[in-house]
C-alpha atoms as a PDB file:
ATOM      1  CA  MET A   1     -46.036 180.628  67.747  1.00  0.00           C
ATOM      2  CA  LEU A   2     -44.079 183.459  66.268  1.00  0.00           C
ATOM      3  CA  CYS A   3     -40.855 182.354  67.960  1.00  0.00           C
ATOM      4  CA  GLU A   4     -41.344 178.729  66.917  1.00  0.00           C
ATOM      5  CA  ARG A   5     -41.685 179.769  63.297  1.00  0.00           C
ATOM      6  CA  ARG A   6     -39.225 182.557  63.022  1.00  0.00           C
ATOM      7  CA  ASN A   7     -39.014 184.118  59.602  1.00  0.00           C
ATOM      8  CA  GLN A   8     -42.161 182.293  58.496  1.00  0.00           C
ATOM      9  CA  LEU A   9     -45.675 183.480  58.022  1.00  0.00           C
ATOM     10  CA  VAL A  10     -48.079 182.641  60.890  1.00  0.00           C
ATOM     11  CA  LYS A  11     -51.646 183.200  59.750  1.00  0.00           C
ATOM     12  CA  ARG A  12     -53.831 185.424  61.869  1.00  0.00           C
ATOM     13  CA  GLU A  13     -56.738 182.919  61.865  1.00  0.00           C
ATOM     14  CA  GLU A  14     -54.323 180.281  63.101  1.00  0.00           C
ATOM     15  CA  ILE A  15     -53.234 182.395  66.018  1.00  0.00           C
ATOM     16  CA  LEU A  16     -56.802 183.298  66.874  1.00  0.00           C
ATOM     17  CA  MET A  17     -58.000 179.697  66.789  1.00  0.00           C
ATOM     18  CA  HIS A  18     -55.017 178.516  68.902  1.00  0.00           C
ATOM     19  CA  LEU A  19     -55.485 181.170  71.515  1.00  0.00           C
ATOM     20  CA  TRP A  20     -59.237 181.678  71.709  1.00  0.00           C
ATOM     21  CA  GLY A  21     -60.752 178.867  69.649  1.00  0.00           C
ATOM     22  CA  ASP A  22     -62.643 181.470  67.670  1.00  0.00           C
ATOM     23  CA  VAL A  23     -62.115 184.012  64.935  1.00  0.00           C
ATOM     24  CA  ASP A  24     -64.205 187.124  65.697  1.00  0.00           C
ATOM     25  CA  TYR A  25     -63.794 190.851  65.672  1.00  0.00           C
ATOM     26  CA  PHE A  26     -63.135 191.236  69.370  1.00  0.00           C
ATOM     27  CA  HIS A  27     -60.492 188.540  69.566  1.00  0.00           C
ATOM     28  CA  GLY A  28     -58.858 190.027  66.453  1.00  0.00           C
ATOM     29  CA  ARG A  29     -58.676 193.430  68.130  1.00  0.00           C
ATOM     30  CA  SER A  30     -57.160 191.784  71.234  1.00  0.00           C
ATOM     31  CA  LEU A  31     -54.552 190.117  69.071  1.00  0.00           C
ATOM     32  CA  ASP A  32     -53.750 193.540  67.505  1.00  0.00           C
ATOM     33  CA  VAL A  33     -53.199 194.951  71.005  1.00  0.00           C
ATOM     34  CA  PHE A  34     -50.928 192.062  72.000  1.00  0.00           C
ATOM     35  CA  ILE A  35     -48.865 192.456  68.817  1.00  0.00           C
ATOM     36  CA  SER A  36     -48.504 196.155  69.473  1.00  0.00           C
ATOM     37  CA  LYS A  37     -47.240 195.504  72.978  1.00  0.00           C
ATOM     38  CA  LEU A  38     -44.811 192.881  71.700  1.00  0.00           C
ATOM     39  CA  ARG A  39     -43.464 195.354  69.137  1.00  0.00           C
ATOM     40  CA  ARG A  40     -42.979 198.029  71.831  1.00  0.00           C
ATOM     41  CA  TYR A  41     -41.180 195.468  74.074  1.00  0.00           C
ATOM     42  CA  LEU A  42     -38.914 194.339  71.261  1.00  0.00           C
ATOM     43  CA  LYS A  43     -38.176 197.723  69.629  1.00  0.00           C
ATOM     44  CA  SER A  44     -34.842 198.087  71.531  1.00  0.00           C
ATOM     45  CA  ASP A  45     -33.477 195.133  69.604  1.00  0.00           C
ATOM     46  CA  PRO A  46     -32.883 196.188  65.979  1.00  0.00           C
ATOM     47  CA  VAL A  47     -32.446 192.560  64.877  1.00  0.00           C
ATOM     48  CA  ILE A  48     -35.952 191.436  65.759  1.00  0.00           C
ATOM     49  CA  LYS A  49     -39.026 192.784  64.068  1.00  0.00           C
ATOM     50  CA  ILE A  50     -42.704 191.674  63.787  1.00  0.00           C
ATOM     51  CA  GLU A  51     -43.874 192.282  60.220  1.00  0.00           C
ATOM     52  CA  ASN A  52     -47.563 192.479  59.472  1.00  0.00           C
ATOM     53  CA  ILE A  53     -48.872 190.892  56.272  1.00  0.00           C
ATOM     54  CA  PRO A  54     -52.211 192.693  55.847  1.00  0.00           C
ATOM     55  CA  THR A  55     -55.316 190.435  56.251  1.00  0.00           C
ATOM     56  CA  VAL A  56     -53.067 187.350  56.346  1.00  0.00           C
ATOM     57  CA  GLY A  57     -50.835 187.246  59.396  1.00  0.00           C
ATOM     58  CA  TYR A  58     -47.486 188.046  60.966  1.00  0.00           C
ATOM     59  CA  VAL A  59     -43.811 187.135  60.467  1.00  0.00           C
ATOM     60  CA  LEU A  60     -41.270 187.423  63.264  1.00  0.00           C
ATOM     61  CA  ARG A  61     -38.197 188.577  61.348  1.00  0.00           C
ATOM     62  CA  GLU A  62     -34.839 187.773  62.888  1.00  0.00           C
ATOM     63  CA  GLY A  63     -31.747 188.896  61.065  1.00  0.00           C
ATOM     64  CA  SER A  64     -28.991 191.361  60.901  1.00  0.00           C
END
């Protein structure tokens, strides 16, 4: 979802509903873990960054 909508906001609720069909605390925490792992995996590439918009969602930033 983040790759498909690079440089655009993807709402947290939308990701949770798409993946688990539910928005609850435990799925939200699982999403946080997955995003952390993605950030760790992508940290070697300075062009790509996952930006957190608190309480709203995420933006996969791709630029120079």
